[in-house]
Amino acid sequence: MSAMTPELLRELVAEARLAPSVHNIQPTRWRLLSDGRLALVDDTAVRAPVADPSGHDVRISHGAALEGMSLALNRRGLSLLGVTFAEQRLSPQHNVQCMLTIGNAAIPDPLLASVPRRMSWRGTFAPSPQDNDALASIAAARDDIVCVSDRRAIAEIAEWADQAELSFVRRDDYRRELLDWMRLSPGHPLYAQNGLNREALAMNAFEATGAGFVLGSLFSPLDRLGLAASLLSDRAKTGSAAAILLFCRPRDEDPLVSGRQFYRVWLEIDRFGLAACPISALADHPGFSDKLRKLGKVGEARRLVNVFRVGRPSKPQTPRHFRLPVDQLIV
């Protein structure tokens, strides 16, 4: 291939950064190595240690970024000839996770058009019976998806999701970390760059202000009064989904590999004209994860990596991506 120029590298990183990451923390950095390979670099200062104590979700995020880079290369007629997984310390803050060998002559990826459109849909879904065929097609094309479309089962999962989320939110350290990554006012200096801002959370100004209080100083008294659960509930949104998709991967698989497929599943959902929102609390909570595995008849050899609520948005989406500047992502 022709030499990687600074301009091409910036183009590639600008597109690769559209991949999802836990809490939109964006832990992935990139470096062009002297031998022409591209290194995926972990910024160890970017973490959500309470929500992700093992670092599993950060590695899933790196995997999604890796697939984002693969798609960005593909759009430009390039391809990944190989990925070498090997950790290498560059500095106290930066560790290489893998090296990418890049070549020419890529076959156009059918998911390319979905990259700029994909986003979390945190609103309700519109009834749309014709979506059942699309959901069946997604599940049939992959061996890592279980589709739950029974209305009673979806209603039950919606209850589980609220209970799982509340169990985490009742921890003071979890709420503090979550609030630290939330950008509830446009005046926040990082509002358009990382974390979860009120637009991404589908909140208006009043709702965002209220969320700050409910997750902050008022949580304990509201919880004692039995009001916190209803104020934080997403049951109506989850219950309106056309289906719940269980994303399951081999239990011993490197999360970098799982993360690549996580991104591709989400793009597949968009390609069929649907929208999705992860319900990570269900996968992270051992009890509810087990319930879902039993419901979906997921064998012991598979890990429940994440859960999506999926459907047709109740109103048109205007995709916006809140990401760090490209210059901060090249090290």
Protein backbone atom coordinates (compact mmCIF):
# COMPACT_ATOMS: atom_id res chain seq x y z
CA MET A 1 0.00 0.00 0.00
CA SER A 2 1.04 3.62 -0.30
CA ALA A 3 2.59 5.22 2.74
CA MET A 4 0.31 6.25 5.56
CA THR A 5 0.27 10.04 5.54
CA PRO A 6 -0.68 12.22 8.51
CA GLU A 7 -3.77 13.35 6.60
CA LEU A 8 -4.91 9.76 5.94
CA LEU A 9 -4.29 8.78 9.55
CA ARG A 10 -6.45 11.67 10.74
CA GLU A 11 -9.24 10.63 8.37
CA LEU A 12 -9.11 7.06 9.61
CA VAL A 13 -9.09 8.01 13.29
CA ALA A 14 -11.94 10.50 12.76
CA GLU A 15 -14.12 7.66 11.51
CA ALA A 16 -12.86 4.94 13.87
CA ARG A 17 -13.76 7.13 16.88
CA LEU A 18 -17.46 6.78 15.99
CA ALA A 19 -17.39 3.30 17.53
CA PRO A 20 -19.21 2.96 20.87
CA SER A 21 -17.42 2.78 24.22
CA VAL A 22 -18.54 2.25 27.81
CA HIS A 23 -20.06 5.53 29.10
CA ASN A 24 -18.54 7.07 25.91
CA ILE A 25 -15.23 7.34 27.78
CA GLN A 26 -13.22 6.66 24.57
CA PRO A 27 -10.12 4.89 25.96
CA THR A 28 -8.60 4.10 22.54
CA ARG A 29 -5.63 5.95 21.07
CA TRP A 30 -3.66 5.29 17.87
CA ARG A 31 0.00 5.44 16.90
CA LEU A 32 1.73 4.95 13.56
CA LEU A 33 4.76 2.70 14.13
CA SER A 34 8.08 3.03 12.36
CA ASP A 35 7.52 -0.24 10.45
CA GLY A 36 4.33 1.10 8.88
CA ARG A 37 1.93 -0.77 11.13
CA LEU A 38 -0.77 1.00 13.12
CA ALA A 39 -0.94 0.45 16.87
CA LEU A 40 -4.13 0.45 18.91
CA VAL A 41 -3.15 2.07 22.21
CA ASP A 42 -4.91 1.95 25.57
CA ASP A 43 -4.99 5.23 27.49
CA THR A 44 -4.79 3.83 31.01
CA ALA A 45 -5.90 7.16 32.51
CA VAL A 46 -9.35 6.74 30.95
CA ARG A 47 -11.38 4.34 33.04
CA ALA A 48 -14.72 3.74 34.76
CA PRO A 49 -13.37 1.54 37.57
CA VAL A 50 -16.60 1.23 39.55
CA ALA A 51 -18.84 0.25 36.63
CA ASP A 52 -16.04 -1.76 35.01
CA PRO A 53 -13.75 -3.03 37.80
CA SER A 54 -12.13 -5.79 35.71
CA GLY A 55 -11.50 -3.61 32.65
CA HIS A 56 -13.59 -5.98 30.52
CA ASP A 57 -15.79 -3.18 29.15
CA VAL A 58 -12.75 -1.05 28.29
CA ARG A 59 -11.35 -3.95 26.29
CA ILE A 60 -14.72 -4.43 24.57
CA SER A 61 -14.54 -0.70 23.74
CA HIS A 62 -11.08 -1.17 22.24
CA GLY A 63 -12.47 -4.02 20.16
CA ALA A 64 -15.24 -1.80 18.84
CA ALA A 65 -12.65 0.86 17.98
CA LEU A 66 -10.58 -1.79 16.20
CA GLU A 67 -13.59 -2.71 14.07
CA GLY A 68 -14.21 0.99 13.52
CA MET A 69 -10.69 1.32 12.13
CA SER A 70 -11.22 -1.75 9.93
CA LEU A 71 -14.37 -0.16 8.48
CA ALA A 72 -12.62 3.18 8.00
CA LEU A 73 -9.84 1.42 6.08
CA ASN A 74 -12.37 -0.51 4.03
CA ARG A 75 -14.12 2.70 2.96
CA ARG A 76 -10.81 3.82 1.44
CA GLY A 77 -10.06 0.61 -0.42
CA LEU A 78 -7.75 -0.72 2.28
CA SER A 79 -7.97 -3.74 4.55
CA LEU A 80 -6.54 -5.31 7.67
CA LEU A 81 -4.09 -7.98 6.53
CA GLY A 82 -3.46 -9.01 10.10
CA VAL A 83 -3.88 -8.07 13.76
CA THR A 84 -1.08 -8.97 16.16
CA PHE A 85 -2.21 -9.03 19.79
CA ALA A 86 0.66 -8.05 22.05
CA GLU A 87 0.88 -5.57 24.89
CA GLN A 88 3.74 -3.08 24.88
CA ARG A 89 4.22 -0.11 27.18
CA LEU A 90 4.83 3.18 25.40
CA SER A 91 4.67 5.43 28.45
CA PRO A 92 3.25 5.35 31.98
CA GLN A 93 -0.14 6.27 30.45
CA HIS A 94 -0.15 4.44 27.11
CA ASN A 95 0.00 0.72 26.37
CA VAL A 96 -0.15 -0.86 22.91
CA GLN A 97 -2.85 -3.56 22.79
CA CYS A 98 -2.37 -4.77 19.23
CA MET A 99 -0.68 -3.88 15.94
CA LEU A 100 -2.49 -3.66 12.61
CA THR A 101 -0.93 -4.58 9.28
CA ILE A 102 -2.68 -2.71 6.46
CA GLY A 103 -3.02 -3.71 2.83
CA ASN A 104 -4.94 -2.89 -0.34
CA ALA A 105 -7.91 -4.29 -2.28
CA ALA A 106 -10.70 -4.49 0.28
CA ILE A 107 -14.16 -5.70 -0.79
CA PRO A 108 -16.70 -2.98 0.23
CA ASP A 109 -18.24 -3.81 3.60
CA PRO A 110 -22.07 -3.79 3.56
CA LEU A 111 -22.14 -2.02 6.94
CA LEU A 112 -20.29 1.12 5.84
CA ALA A 113 -23.42 3.22 5.35
CA SER A 114 -24.51 2.55 8.93
CA VAL A 115 -21.36 3.93 10.56
CA PRO A 116 -22.39 7.63 10.55
CA ARG A 117 -26.02 6.79 11.40
CA ARG A 118 -25.55 4.48 14.37
CA MET A 119 -26.33 5.91 17.77
CA SER A 120 -28.02 4.86 21.02
CA TRP A 121 -31.76 5.40 20.87
CA ARG A 122 -32.87 6.11 24.44
CA GLY A 123 -36.49 6.96 23.64
CA THR A 124 -39.53 4.73 23.22
CA PHE A 125 -40.14 2.56 20.18
CA ALA A 126 -43.09 2.69 17.81
CA PRO A 127 -45.21 -0.44 17.21
CA SER A 128 -44.14 -1.92 13.88
CA PRO A 129 -45.09 -5.59 13.28
CA GLN A 130 -43.13 -5.68 10.01
CA ASP A 131 -39.91 -5.35 12.00
CA ASN A 132 -40.22 -9.01 13.03
CA ASP A 133 -38.82 -10.11 9.66
CA ALA A 134 -35.82 -7.80 10.03
CA LEU A 135 -35.14 -9.05 13.55
CA ALA A 136 -35.43 -12.65 12.41
CA SER A 137 -32.95 -11.94 9.62
CA ILE A 138 -30.43 -10.42 12.05
CA ALA A 139 -30.69 -13.37 14.42
CA ALA A 140 -30.58 -15.97 11.63
CA ALA A 141 -27.43 -14.47 10.10
CA ARG A 142 -25.43 -14.72 13.33
CA ASP A 143 -24.76 -17.42 15.91
CA ASP A 144 -24.13 -14.91 18.70
CA ILE A 145 -27.61 -13.35 18.86
CA VAL A 146 -30.70 -14.61 20.66
CA CYS A 147 -33.86 -12.68 19.77
CA VAL A 148 -36.60 -12.41 22.40
CA SER A 149 -39.78 -11.03 20.83
CA ASP A 150 -42.52 -12.46 23.05
CA ARG A 151 -44.39 -9.50 24.56
CA ARG A 152 -44.74 -11.04 28.02
CA ALA A 153 -41.05 -11.90 28.10
CA ILE A 154 -40.09 -8.36 27.03
CA ALA A 155 -42.29 -6.91 29.79
CA GLU A 156 -40.56 -9.17 32.32
CA ILE A 157 -37.12 -8.22 31.03
CA ALA A 158 -38.09 -4.54 31.36
CA GLU A 159 -38.77 -5.16 35.07
CA TRP A 160 -35.47 -6.98 35.44
CA ALA A 161 -33.61 -4.15 33.75
CA ASP A 162 -34.98 -1.58 36.21
CA GLN A 163 -34.13 -3.80 39.17
CA ALA A 164 -30.62 -4.45 37.91
CA GLU A 165 -29.92 -0.76 37.27
CA LEU A 166 -31.31 0.25 40.67
CA SER A 167 -29.11 -2.32 42.42
CA PHE A 168 -26.04 -0.58 40.95
CA VAL A 169 -27.30 2.97 41.40
CA ARG A 170 -27.87 2.34 45.12
CA ARG A 171 -24.09 2.23 45.50
CA ASP A 172 -22.73 5.66 46.34
CA ASP A 173 -19.48 5.07 44.44
CA TYR A 174 -21.40 3.97 41.32
CA ARG A 175 -23.56 7.11 41.34
CA ARG A 176 -20.54 9.35 41.84
CA GLU A 177 -18.73 7.78 38.90
CA LEU A 178 -21.81 7.91 36.70
CA LEU A 179 -22.38 11.58 37.48
CA ASP A 180 -18.71 12.26 36.79
CA TRP A 181 -19.21 10.96 33.23
CA MET A 182 -22.55 12.71 32.70
CA ARG A 183 -22.61 16.09 30.96
CA LEU A 184 -25.99 17.43 32.05
CA SER A 185 -25.49 21.02 30.94
CA PRO A 186 -24.20 22.41 27.61
CA GLY A 187 -21.94 24.58 29.75
CA HIS A 188 -19.88 21.54 30.74
CA PRO A 189 -16.42 21.92 29.14
CA LEU A 190 -16.54 18.36 27.78
CA TYR A 191 -20.21 18.40 26.76
CA ALA A 192 -19.52 17.73 23.07
CA GLN A 193 -16.43 15.56 23.55
CA ASN A 194 -16.99 12.55 25.80
CA GLY A 195 -19.20 11.05 28.45
CA LEU A 196 -23.00 11.05 28.41
CA ASN A 197 -24.52 14.43 27.68
CA ARG A 198 -28.19 15.29 27.89
CA GLU A 199 -28.71 15.02 24.13
CA ALA A 200 -27.24 11.53 24.05
CA LEU A 201 -29.43 10.66 27.05
CA ALA A 202 -32.52 12.09 25.30
CA MET A 203 -33.16 14.54 28.15
CA ASN A 204 -34.43 18.10 28.02
CA ALA A 205 -32.95 20.76 30.29
CA PHE A 206 -35.53 20.14 33.03
CA GLU A 207 -35.02 16.36 32.97
CA ALA A 208 -31.24 16.72 33.00
CA THR A 209 -31.35 19.03 36.02
CA GLY A 210 -33.66 16.59 37.77
CA ALA A 211 -31.38 13.65 36.98
CA GLY A 212 -28.48 15.47 38.60
CA PHE A 213 -30.44 15.80 41.83
CA VAL A 214 -31.95 12.32 41.77
CA LEU A 215 -28.55 10.70 41.25
CA GLY A 216 -26.89 13.16 43.60
CA SER A 217 -27.91 14.68 46.89
CA LEU A 218 -31.57 13.59 46.78
CA PHE A 219 -31.06 9.92 45.98
CA SER A 220 -31.01 8.55 49.53
CA PRO A 221 -34.15 10.35 50.79
CA LEU A 222 -35.99 9.57 47.56
CA ASP A 223 -34.98 5.92 47.80
CA ARG A 224 -36.19 5.72 51.42
CA LEU A 225 -39.54 7.10 50.26
CA GLY A 226 -39.70 4.52 47.48
CA LEU A 227 -39.57 7.19 44.76
CA ALA A 228 -36.10 6.72 43.29
CA ALA A 229 -37.04 3.54 41.43
CA SER A 230 -39.92 5.15 39.56
CA LEU A 231 -37.95 8.31 38.78
CA LEU A 232 -35.10 6.30 37.26
CA SER A 233 -37.26 3.67 35.57
CA ASP A 234 -36.77 2.84 31.88
CA ARG A 235 -39.47 0.16 31.97
CA ALA A 236 -41.74 1.90 29.46
CA LYS A 237 -38.90 2.36 26.99
CA THR A 238 -37.66 -1.22 27.32
CA GLY A 239 -41.20 -2.59 27.24
CA SER A 240 -41.92 -0.77 23.98
CA ALA A 241 -39.06 -2.55 22.16
CA ALA A 242 -39.86 -4.83 19.25
CA ALA A 243 -37.37 -7.31 20.68
CA ILE A 244 -34.61 -7.81 23.19
CA LEU A 245 -31.41 -9.13 21.64
CA LEU A 246 -28.98 -11.14 23.77
CA PHE A 247 -25.42 -10.77 22.47
CA CYS A 248 -23.48 -13.88 23.50
CA ARG A 249 -19.90 -14.79 22.63
CA PRO A 250 -17.57 -17.70 23.49
CA ARG A 251 -16.74 -17.52 27.19
CA ASP A 252 -12.97 -17.70 26.65
CA GLU A 253 -12.88 -15.18 23.77
CA ASP A 254 -10.65 -12.10 24.03
CA PRO A 255 -12.96 -9.12 24.66
CA LEU A 256 -11.12 -7.30 21.85
CA VAL A 257 -12.62 -9.84 19.45
CA SER A 258 -16.03 -9.68 21.14
CA GLY A 259 -15.95 -5.89 20.88
CA ARG A 260 -15.47 -6.04 17.12
CA GLN A 261 -18.56 -8.19 16.78
CA PHE A 262 -20.53 -6.05 19.25
CA TYR A 263 -20.05 -3.05 16.96
CA ARG A 264 -20.97 -5.06 13.88
CA VAL A 265 -24.21 -6.31 15.47
CA TRP A 266 -25.19 -2.74 16.29
CA LEU A 267 -24.46 -1.66 12.73
CA GLU A 268 -26.51 -4.60 11.41
CA ILE A 269 -29.45 -3.37 13.48
CA ASP A 270 -29.13 0.06 11.87
CA ARG A 271 -28.80 -1.46 8.39
CA PHE A 272 -32.31 -2.91 8.79
CA GLY A 273 -33.72 0.51 9.66
CA LEU A 274 -33.95 -0.17 13.39
CA ALA A 275 -32.35 1.45 16.43
CA ALA A 276 -30.93 0.02 19.62
CA CYS A 277 -29.86 0.85 23.13
CA PRO A 278 -27.64 -1.41 25.25
CA ILE A 279 -28.94 -2.47 28.67
CA SER A 280 -25.55 -3.28 30.16
CA ALA A 281 -26.86 -3.63 33.72
CA LEU A 282 -28.64 -6.85 32.74
CA ALA A 283 -25.42 -8.44 31.52
CA ASP A 284 -23.39 -7.11 34.47
CA HIS A 285 -25.79 -8.27 37.19
CA PRO A 286 -25.06 -11.97 37.92
CA GLY A 287 -28.62 -12.84 38.95
CA PHE A 288 -30.38 -11.22 36.02
CA SER A 289 -27.70 -12.38 33.60
CA ASP A 290 -28.47 -15.94 34.70
CA LYS A 291 -32.21 -15.37 34.22
CA LEU A 292 -31.62 -14.12 30.69
CA ARG A 293 -29.30 -17.00 29.87
CA LYS A 294 -31.99 -19.43 31.01
CA LEU A 295 -34.70 -17.58 29.07
CA GLY A 296 -32.58 -17.55 25.90
CA LYS A 297 -31.28 -21.10 26.42
CA VAL A 298 -27.69 -19.85 26.31
CA GLY A 299 -25.21 -22.66 26.99
CA GLU A 300 -22.38 -22.52 29.51
CA ALA A 301 -19.80 -22.17 26.75
CA ARG A 302 -21.21 -18.70 25.95
CA ARG A 303 -20.94 -15.45 27.87
CA LEU A 304 -23.76 -12.90 27.87
CA VAL A 305 -21.72 -9.88 26.78
CA ASN A 306 -24.54 -7.34 26.47
CA VAL A 307 -28.25 -6.87 25.89
CA PHE A 308 -29.95 -4.59 23.36
CA ARG A 309 -33.47 -3.25 23.31
CA VAL A 310 -34.33 -2.86 19.64
CA GLY A 311 -37.13 -1.38 17.61
CA ARG A 312 -38.24 1.43 15.35
CA PRO A 313 -37.75 4.89 16.91
CA SER A 314 -40.98 6.68 17.80
CA LYS A 315 -39.69 9.80 16.05
CA PRO A 316 -37.02 10.54 13.42
CA GLN A 317 -33.41 10.39 14.60
CA THR A 318 -30.82 13.03 13.89
CA PRO A 319 -27.55 11.23 14.57
CA ARG A 320 -24.95 13.22 16.48
CA HIS A 321 -21.66 11.90 17.73
CA PHE A 322 -19.93 13.48 20.71
CA ARG A 323 -16.28 12.57 20.42
CA LEU A 324 -12.82 13.74 21.44
CA PRO A 325 -10.82 15.78 18.90
CA VAL A 326 -8.79 13.65 16.52
CA ASP A 327 -5.50 15.21 17.68
CA GLN A 328 -6.10 13.87 21.19
CA LEU A 329 -6.55 10.35 19.85
CA ILE A 330 -3.22 10.13 17.99
CA VAL A 331 -0.26 9.61 20.32
